[in-house]
Amino acid sequence: IAYYHAQDDGWYKNAYTGDVLPANAAAGPDLSNARTVGKNDETAVRGQLLYTPNNDVSILLSAHHREYKGDQTPSYILPDTYVAPVNNPVYNQGYTDPANPLPYGYVWAADTGHENITNDGGLIRVNWNIGDLTLTSVTGYEANKLERWSNGSTAIPLANSVSRQVTPDRQFSQEVRLASSATDRFNWIVGAY
């Protein structure tokens, strides 16, 4: 049995508090109430069981599960003095004054996005020694699901297009192969997938 867990508290902060423009536009967003984003939590486990009823047959059963939950990495809009003045959010969303740019590690976004990923799967592998030959069968199954929430832009203080993506997929596979002895001078393998 193998187990894995990783947790990240986030390395950047979001200064967004609900306003398209900061109270003091020239000074930029208030960073005192910025919340930490970029958190993620990942857990995975795998178990394997090997059964050998005799010297010629071995059966391996393997199964795994993984869960990931985390924020998406936001974008950062550089200060712009050529498009529009700071008091025009329609044309310059996410504007920060060149004299007071956001420091490294800060963003100003209505929604930085979030995603959940789940992976499940397993396989059964059977090896059967028939004289100098080995017959192998591998049967596998994988199921994955991605759920992602986003506002269309992770860089502006305005949720201009909220979206939700759900992408499930499943895969079944079967492989059969026959191989010669690895100790022979000439080795060969034939099979189908």
C-alpha atoms as a PDB file:
ATOM      1  CA  ILE A   1       0.000   0.000   0.000  1.00  0.00           C
ATOM      2  CA  ALA A   2       1.297   3.471  -0.925  1.00  0.00           C
ATOM      3  CA  TYR A   3      -0.116   6.785   0.316  1.00  0.00           C
ATOM      4  CA  TYR A   4       0.591  10.355  -0.793  1.00  0.00           C
ATOM      5  CA  HIS A   5      -0.663  13.667   0.541  1.00  0.00           C
ATOM      6  CA  ALA A   6       0.367  17.225  -0.308  1.00  0.00           C
ATOM      7  CA  GLN A   7      -1.126  20.492   0.889  1.00  0.00           C
ATOM      8  CA  ASP A   8      -0.234  24.041  -0.118  1.00  0.00           C
ATOM      9  CA  ASP A   9      -1.585  27.067   1.729  1.00  0.00           C
ATOM     10  CA  GLY A  10      -1.127  29.302  -1.299  1.00  0.00           C
ATOM     11  CA  TRP A  11       1.687  31.634  -2.261  1.00  0.00           C
ATOM     12  CA  TYR A  12      -0.180  34.721  -3.520  1.00  0.00           C
ATOM     13  CA  LYS A  13      -2.900  37.028  -2.235  1.00  0.00           C
ATOM     14  CA  ASN A  14      -6.030  38.492  -3.815  1.00  0.00           C
ATOM     15  CA  ALA A  15      -6.744  42.134  -2.972  1.00  0.00           C
ATOM     16  CA  TYR A  16     -10.276  42.032  -4.405  1.00  0.00           C
ATOM     17  CA  THR A  17     -12.960  43.054  -1.871  1.00  0.00           C
ATOM     18  CA  GLY A  18     -15.981  43.488  -4.152  1.00  0.00           C
ATOM     19  CA  ASP A  19     -15.259  46.815  -5.858  1.00  0.00           C
ATOM     20  CA  VAL A  20     -14.371  47.222  -9.517  1.00  0.00           C
ATOM     21  CA  LEU A  21     -12.311  50.269  -8.579  1.00  0.00           C
ATOM     22  CA  PRO A  22     -10.377  50.693  -5.306  1.00  0.00           C
ATOM     23  CA  ALA A  23     -11.559  53.392  -2.908  1.00  0.00           C
ATOM     24  CA  ASN A  24      -8.368  55.306  -3.567  1.00  0.00           C
ATOM     25  CA  ALA A  25      -7.778  54.669  -7.255  1.00  0.00           C
ATOM     26  CA  ALA A  26      -4.442  56.402  -7.380  1.00  0.00           C
ATOM     27  CA  ALA A  27      -3.101  54.333  -4.496  1.00  0.00           C
ATOM     28  CA  GLY A  28      -4.375  51.042  -5.934  1.00  0.00           C
ATOM     29  CA  PRO A  29      -6.237  48.263  -4.112  1.00  0.00           C
ATOM     30  CA  ASP A  30      -6.082  47.982  -0.331  1.00  0.00           C
ATOM     31  CA  LEU A  31      -3.698  45.106   0.450  1.00  0.00           C
ATOM     32  CA  SER A  32      -4.402  44.964   4.191  1.00  0.00           C
ATOM     33  CA  ASN A  33      -7.414  42.677   3.751  1.00  0.00           C
ATOM     34  CA  ALA A  34      -6.033  40.552   0.926  1.00  0.00           C
ATOM     35  CA  ARG A  35      -6.885  36.870   1.242  1.00  0.00           C
ATOM     36  CA  THR A  36      -4.554  34.024   0.406  1.00  0.00           C
ATOM     37  CA  VAL A  37      -5.367  32.110  -2.781  1.00  0.00           C
ATOM     38  CA  GLY A  38      -3.626  29.352  -4.658  1.00  0.00           C
ATOM     39  CA  LYS A  39      -4.389  26.712  -2.062  1.00  0.00           C
ATOM     40  CA  ASN A  40      -4.468  23.074  -3.101  1.00  0.00           C
ATOM     41  CA  ASP A  41      -4.961  19.731  -1.431  1.00  0.00           C
ATOM     42  CA  GLU A  42      -3.999  16.432  -3.055  1.00  0.00           C
ATOM     43  CA  THR A  43      -4.381  12.895  -1.727  1.00  0.00           C
ATOM     44  CA  ALA A  44      -3.584   9.634  -3.506  1.00  0.00           C
ATOM     45  CA  VAL A  45      -3.519   5.993  -2.459  1.00  0.00           C
ATOM     46  CA  ARG A  46      -2.529   2.815  -4.276  1.00  0.00           C
ATOM     47  CA  GLY A  47      -2.878  -0.788  -3.226  1.00  0.00           C
ATOM     48  CA  GLN A  48      -1.456  -3.924  -4.844  1.00  0.00           C
ATOM     49  CA  LEU A  49      -1.978  -7.610  -4.155  1.00  0.00           C
ATOM     50  CA  LEU A  50       0.072 -10.402  -5.731  1.00  0.00           C
ATOM     51  CA  TYR A  51      -1.277 -13.966  -5.780  1.00  0.00           C
ATOM     52  CA  THR A  52       0.816 -16.928  -6.977  1.00  0.00           C
ATOM     53  CA  PRO A  53      -1.227 -20.140  -6.901  1.00  0.00           C
ATOM     54  CA  ASN A  54       1.740 -22.093  -8.325  1.00  0.00           C
ATOM     55  CA  ASN A  55       5.186 -21.576  -9.855  1.00  0.00           C
ATOM     56  CA  ASP A  56       3.795 -20.929 -13.330  1.00  0.00           C
ATOM     57  CA  VAL A  57       0.988 -18.460 -12.614  1.00  0.00           C
ATOM     58  CA  SER A  58       1.024 -15.033 -10.956  1.00  0.00           C
ATOM     59  CA  ILE A  59      -1.909 -12.658 -10.620  1.00  0.00           C
ATOM     60  CA  LEU A  60      -1.399  -8.991  -9.731  1.00  0.00           C
ATOM     61  CA  LEU A  61      -4.334  -6.841  -8.663  1.00  0.00           C
ATOM     62  CA  SER A  62      -3.679  -3.085  -8.457  1.00  0.00           C
ATOM     63  CA  ALA A  63      -6.060  -0.213  -7.659  1.00  0.00           C
ATOM     64  CA  HIS A  64      -5.545   3.517  -7.136  1.00  0.00           C
ATOM     65  CA  HIS A  65      -7.494   6.624  -6.163  1.00  0.00           C
ATOM     66  CA  ARG A  66      -6.553  10.330  -6.317  1.00  0.00           C
ATOM     67  CA  GLU A  67      -8.337  13.520  -5.327  1.00  0.00           C
ATOM     68  CA  TYR A  68      -7.136  17.043  -6.036  1.00  0.00           C
ATOM     69  CA  LYS A  69      -8.800  20.296  -4.994  1.00  0.00           C
ATOM     70  CA  GLY A  70      -7.206  23.640  -5.650  1.00  0.00           C
ATOM     71  CA  ASP A  71      -7.335  27.185  -6.921  1.00  0.00           C
ATOM     72  CA  GLN A  72      -6.346  28.027 -10.454  1.00  0.00           C
ATOM     73  CA  THR A  73      -3.343  30.265 -10.972  1.00  0.00           C
ATOM     74  CA  PRO A  74      -4.550  33.829 -11.660  1.00  0.00           C
ATOM     75  CA  SER A  75      -3.196  36.278 -14.187  1.00  0.00           C
ATOM     76  CA  TYR A  76      -1.726  39.688 -13.512  1.00  0.00           C
ATOM     77  CA  ILE A  77      -2.474  42.807 -15.562  1.00  0.00           C
ATOM     78  CA  LEU A  78       0.469  45.153 -15.860  1.00  0.00           C
ATOM     79  CA  PRO A  79      -0.098  48.884 -15.223  1.00  0.00           C
ATOM     80  CA  ASP A  80      -1.322  50.569 -18.408  1.00  0.00           C
ATOM     81  CA  THR A  81      -1.156  54.280 -19.111  1.00  0.00           C
ATOM     82  CA  TYR A  82      -2.151  54.082 -22.792  1.00  0.00           C
ATOM     83  CA  VAL A  83      -5.644  52.574 -22.837  1.00  0.00           C
ATOM     84  CA  ALA A  84      -7.836  54.607 -20.470  1.00  0.00           C
ATOM     85  CA  PRO A  85      -7.763  56.569 -17.240  1.00  0.00           C
ATOM     86  CA  VAL A  86      -8.140  54.737 -13.945  1.00  0.00           C
ATOM     87  CA  ASN A  87     -11.723  55.944 -13.467  1.00  0.00           C
ATOM     88  CA  ASN A  88     -12.976  54.114 -16.560  1.00  0.00           C
ATOM     89  CA  PRO A  89     -13.442  50.442 -15.541  1.00  0.00           C
ATOM     90  CA  VAL A  90     -15.213  49.571 -18.793  1.00  0.00           C
ATOM     91  CA  TYR A  91     -12.013  49.925 -20.794  1.00  0.00           C
ATOM     92  CA  ASN A  92      -9.406  49.341 -18.146  1.00  0.00           C
ATOM     93  CA  GLN A  93     -10.610  46.616 -15.800  1.00  0.00           C
ATOM     94  CA  GLY A  94      -7.964  45.558 -13.348  1.00  0.00           C
ATOM     95  CA  TYR A  95      -6.059  48.810 -13.737  1.00  0.00           C
ATOM     96  CA  THR A  96      -3.352  49.664 -11.225  1.00  0.00           C
ATOM     97  CA  ASP A  97      -1.569  52.983 -11.301  1.00  0.00           C
ATOM     98  CA  PRO A  98       2.015  52.790 -12.638  1.00  0.00           C
ATOM     99  CA  ALA A  99       3.163  54.669  -9.547  1.00  0.00           C
ATOM    100  CA  ASN A 100       1.515  52.079  -7.273  1.00  0.00           C
ATOM    101  CA  PRO A 101       1.587  48.702  -9.026  1.00  0.00           C
ATOM    102  CA  LEU A 102       0.582  45.546  -7.236  1.00  0.00           C
ATOM    103  CA  PRO A 103       3.604  44.003  -5.532  1.00  0.00           C
ATOM    104  CA  TYR A 104       4.823  40.569  -6.524  1.00  0.00           C
ATOM    105  CA  GLY A 105       2.535  37.854  -5.204  1.00  0.00           C
ATOM    106  CA  TYR A 106      -0.655  39.942  -5.318  1.00  0.00           C
ATOM    107  CA  VAL A 107      -3.564  39.888  -7.778  1.00  0.00           C
ATOM    108  CA  TRP A 108      -6.818  41.826  -8.041  1.00  0.00           C
ATOM    109  CA  ALA A 109      -9.438  39.478  -9.432  1.00  0.00           C
ATOM    110  CA  ALA A 110     -13.120  38.817  -8.752  1.00  0.00           C
ATOM    111  CA  ASP A 111     -12.579  35.061  -8.956  1.00  0.00           C
ATOM    112  CA  THR A 112      -9.314  33.174  -9.306  1.00  0.00           C
ATOM    113  CA  GLY A 113     -11.086  29.937 -10.232  1.00  0.00           C
ATOM    114  CA  HIS A 114     -11.235  26.540  -8.609  1.00  0.00           C
ATOM    115  CA  GLU A 115     -10.979  22.956  -9.796  1.00  0.00           C
ATOM    116  CA  ASN A 116     -11.557  19.443  -8.471  1.00  0.00           C
ATOM    117  CA  ILE A 117      -9.964  16.383 -10.086  1.00  0.00           C
ATOM    118  CA  THR A 118     -10.761  12.760  -9.245  1.00  0.00           C
ATOM    119  CA  ASN A 119      -8.928   9.739 -10.664  1.00  0.00           C
ATOM    120  CA  ASP A 120      -9.846   6.096 -10.061  1.00  0.00           C
ATOM    121  CA  GLY A 121      -8.518   2.997 -11.738  1.00  0.00           C
ATOM    122  CA  GLY A 122      -6.963  -0.370 -11.511  1.00  0.00           C
ATOM    123  CA  LEU A 123      -5.687  -3.388 -13.394  1.00  0.00           C
ATOM    124  CA  ILE A 124      -5.447  -7.148 -13.264  1.00  0.00           C
ATOM    125  CA  ARG A 125      -2.276  -8.647 -14.718  1.00  0.00           C
ATOM    126  CA  VAL A 126      -1.959 -12.397 -15.187  1.00  0.00           C
ATOM    127  CA  ASN A 127       1.325 -14.074 -16.161  1.00  0.00           C
ATOM    128  CA  TRP A 128       1.240 -17.739 -17.179  1.00  0.00           C
ATOM    129  CA  ASN A 129       4.464 -19.579 -17.940  1.00  0.00           C
ATOM    130  CA  ILE A 130       3.921 -22.188 -20.627  1.00  0.00           C
ATOM    131  CA  GLY A 131       7.206 -23.975 -21.063  1.00  0.00           C
ATOM    132  CA  ASP A 132       9.705 -21.373 -22.305  1.00  0.00           C
ATOM    133  CA  LEU A 133       6.918 -18.939 -23.208  1.00  0.00           C
ATOM    134  CA  THR A 134       5.027 -16.430 -21.074  1.00  0.00           C
ATOM    135  CA  LEU A 135       1.402 -15.544 -21.779  1.00  0.00           C
ATOM    136  CA  THR A 136       0.351 -12.228 -20.248  1.00  0.00           C
ATOM    137  CA  SER A 137      -3.070 -10.641 -19.932  1.00  0.00           C
ATOM    138  CA  VAL A 138      -3.519  -7.067 -18.669  1.00  0.00           C
ATOM    139  CA  THR A 139      -7.025  -5.758 -18.051  1.00  0.00           C
ATOM    140  CA  GLY A 140      -7.279  -2.103 -17.053  1.00  0.00           C
ATOM    141  CA  TYR A 141      -9.905   0.465 -16.168  1.00  0.00           C
ATOM    142  CA  GLU A 142      -9.575   4.227 -15.615  1.00  0.00           C
ATOM    143  CA  ALA A 143     -12.203   6.805 -14.625  1.00  0.00           C
ATOM    144  CA  ASN A 144     -11.392  10.518 -14.392  1.00  0.00           C
ATOM    145  CA  LYS A 145     -13.490  13.565 -13.628  1.00  0.00           C
ATOM    146  CA  LEU A 146     -12.575  17.241 -13.858  1.00  0.00           C
ATOM    147  CA  GLU A 147     -14.774  20.001 -12.431  1.00  0.00           C
ATOM    148  CA  ARG A 148     -13.627  23.564 -12.979  1.00  0.00           C
ATOM    149  CA  TRP A 149     -15.216  26.888 -12.049  1.00  0.00           C
ATOM    150  CA  SER A 150     -13.994  30.101 -13.616  1.00  0.00           C
ATOM    151  CA  ASN A 151     -15.178  33.643 -14.290  1.00  0.00           C
ATOM    152  CA  GLY A 152     -13.509  33.757 -17.690  1.00  0.00           C
ATOM    153  CA  SER A 153     -10.714  36.015 -16.533  1.00  0.00           C
ATOM    154  CA  THR A 154      -8.555  35.515 -13.483  1.00  0.00           C
ATOM    155  CA  ALA A 155      -7.012  38.961 -13.743  1.00  0.00           C
ATOM    156  CA  ILE A 156      -9.801  41.537 -13.447  1.00  0.00           C
ATOM    157  CA  PRO A 157     -12.060  42.615 -10.552  1.00  0.00           C
ATOM    158  CA  LEU A 158     -15.222  41.803 -12.500  1.00  0.00           C
ATOM    159  CA  ALA A 159     -16.918  38.440 -13.021  1.00  0.00           C
ATOM    160  CA  ASN A 160     -17.667  39.008 -16.690  1.00  0.00           C
ATOM    161  CA  SER A 161     -18.411  35.407 -17.729  1.00  0.00           C
ATOM    162  CA  VAL A 162     -18.945  32.753 -15.098  1.00  0.00           C
ATOM    163  CA  SER A 163     -18.478  29.198 -16.370  1.00  0.00           C
ATOM    164  CA  ARG A 164     -18.459  25.657 -15.043  1.00  0.00           C
ATOM    165  CA  GLN A 165     -16.729  22.800 -16.823  1.00  0.00           C
ATOM    166  CA  VAL A 166     -17.375  19.136 -16.058  1.00  0.00           C
ATOM    167  CA  THR A 167     -15.319  16.599 -18.005  1.00  0.00           C
ATOM    168  CA  PRO A 168     -15.793  12.954 -17.034  1.00  0.00           C
ATOM    169  CA  ASP A 169     -14.145  10.141 -18.990  1.00  0.00           C
ATOM    170  CA  ARG A 170     -13.784   6.378 -18.680  1.00  0.00           C
ATOM    171  CA  GLN A 171     -11.437   3.943 -20.364  1.00  0.00           C
ATOM    172  CA  PHE A 172     -11.352   0.169 -20.489  1.00  0.00           C
ATOM    173  CA  SER A 173      -8.327  -1.624 -21.956  1.00  0.00           C
ATOM    174  CA  GLN A 174      -7.325  -5.208 -22.638  1.00  0.00           C
ATOM    175  CA  GLU A 175      -3.878  -6.416 -23.648  1.00  0.00           C
ATOM    176  CA  VAL A 176      -2.763  -9.957 -24.455  1.00  0.00           C
ATOM    177  CA  ARG A 177       0.812 -10.863 -25.360  1.00  0.00           C
ATOM    178  CA  LEU A 178       2.994 -13.916 -25.781  1.00  0.00           C
ATOM    179  CA  ALA A 179       6.740 -13.601 -25.217  1.00  0.00           C
ATOM    180  CA  SER A 180       9.735 -15.864 -25.560  1.00  0.00           C
ATOM    181  CA  SER A 181      12.177 -16.472 -22.723  1.00  0.00           C
ATOM    182  CA  ALA A 182      14.331 -13.463 -21.868  1.00  0.00           C
ATOM    183  CA  THR A 183      17.349 -15.767 -21.529  1.00  0.00           C
ATOM    184  CA  ASP A 184      17.263 -16.805 -25.195  1.00  0.00           C
ATOM    185  CA  ARG A 185      19.750 -15.234 -27.565  1.00  0.00           C
ATOM    186  CA  PHE A 186      16.897 -14.191 -29.827  1.00  0.00           C
ATOM    187  CA  ASN A 187      13.827 -12.692 -28.093  1.00  0.00           C
ATOM    188  CA  TRP A 188      10.410 -11.997 -29.546  1.00  0.00           C
ATOM    189  CA  ILE A 189       7.023 -10.792 -28.393  1.00  0.00           C
ATOM    190  CA  VAL A 190       3.641 -10.750 -30.119  1.00  0.00           C
ATOM    191  CA  GLY A 191       0.357  -9.447 -28.848  1.00  0.00           C
ATOM    192  CA  ALA A 192      -2.766  -7.361 -29.286  1.00  0.00           C
ATOM    193  CA  TYR A 193      -4.137  -4.330 -27.463  1.00  0.00           C
END
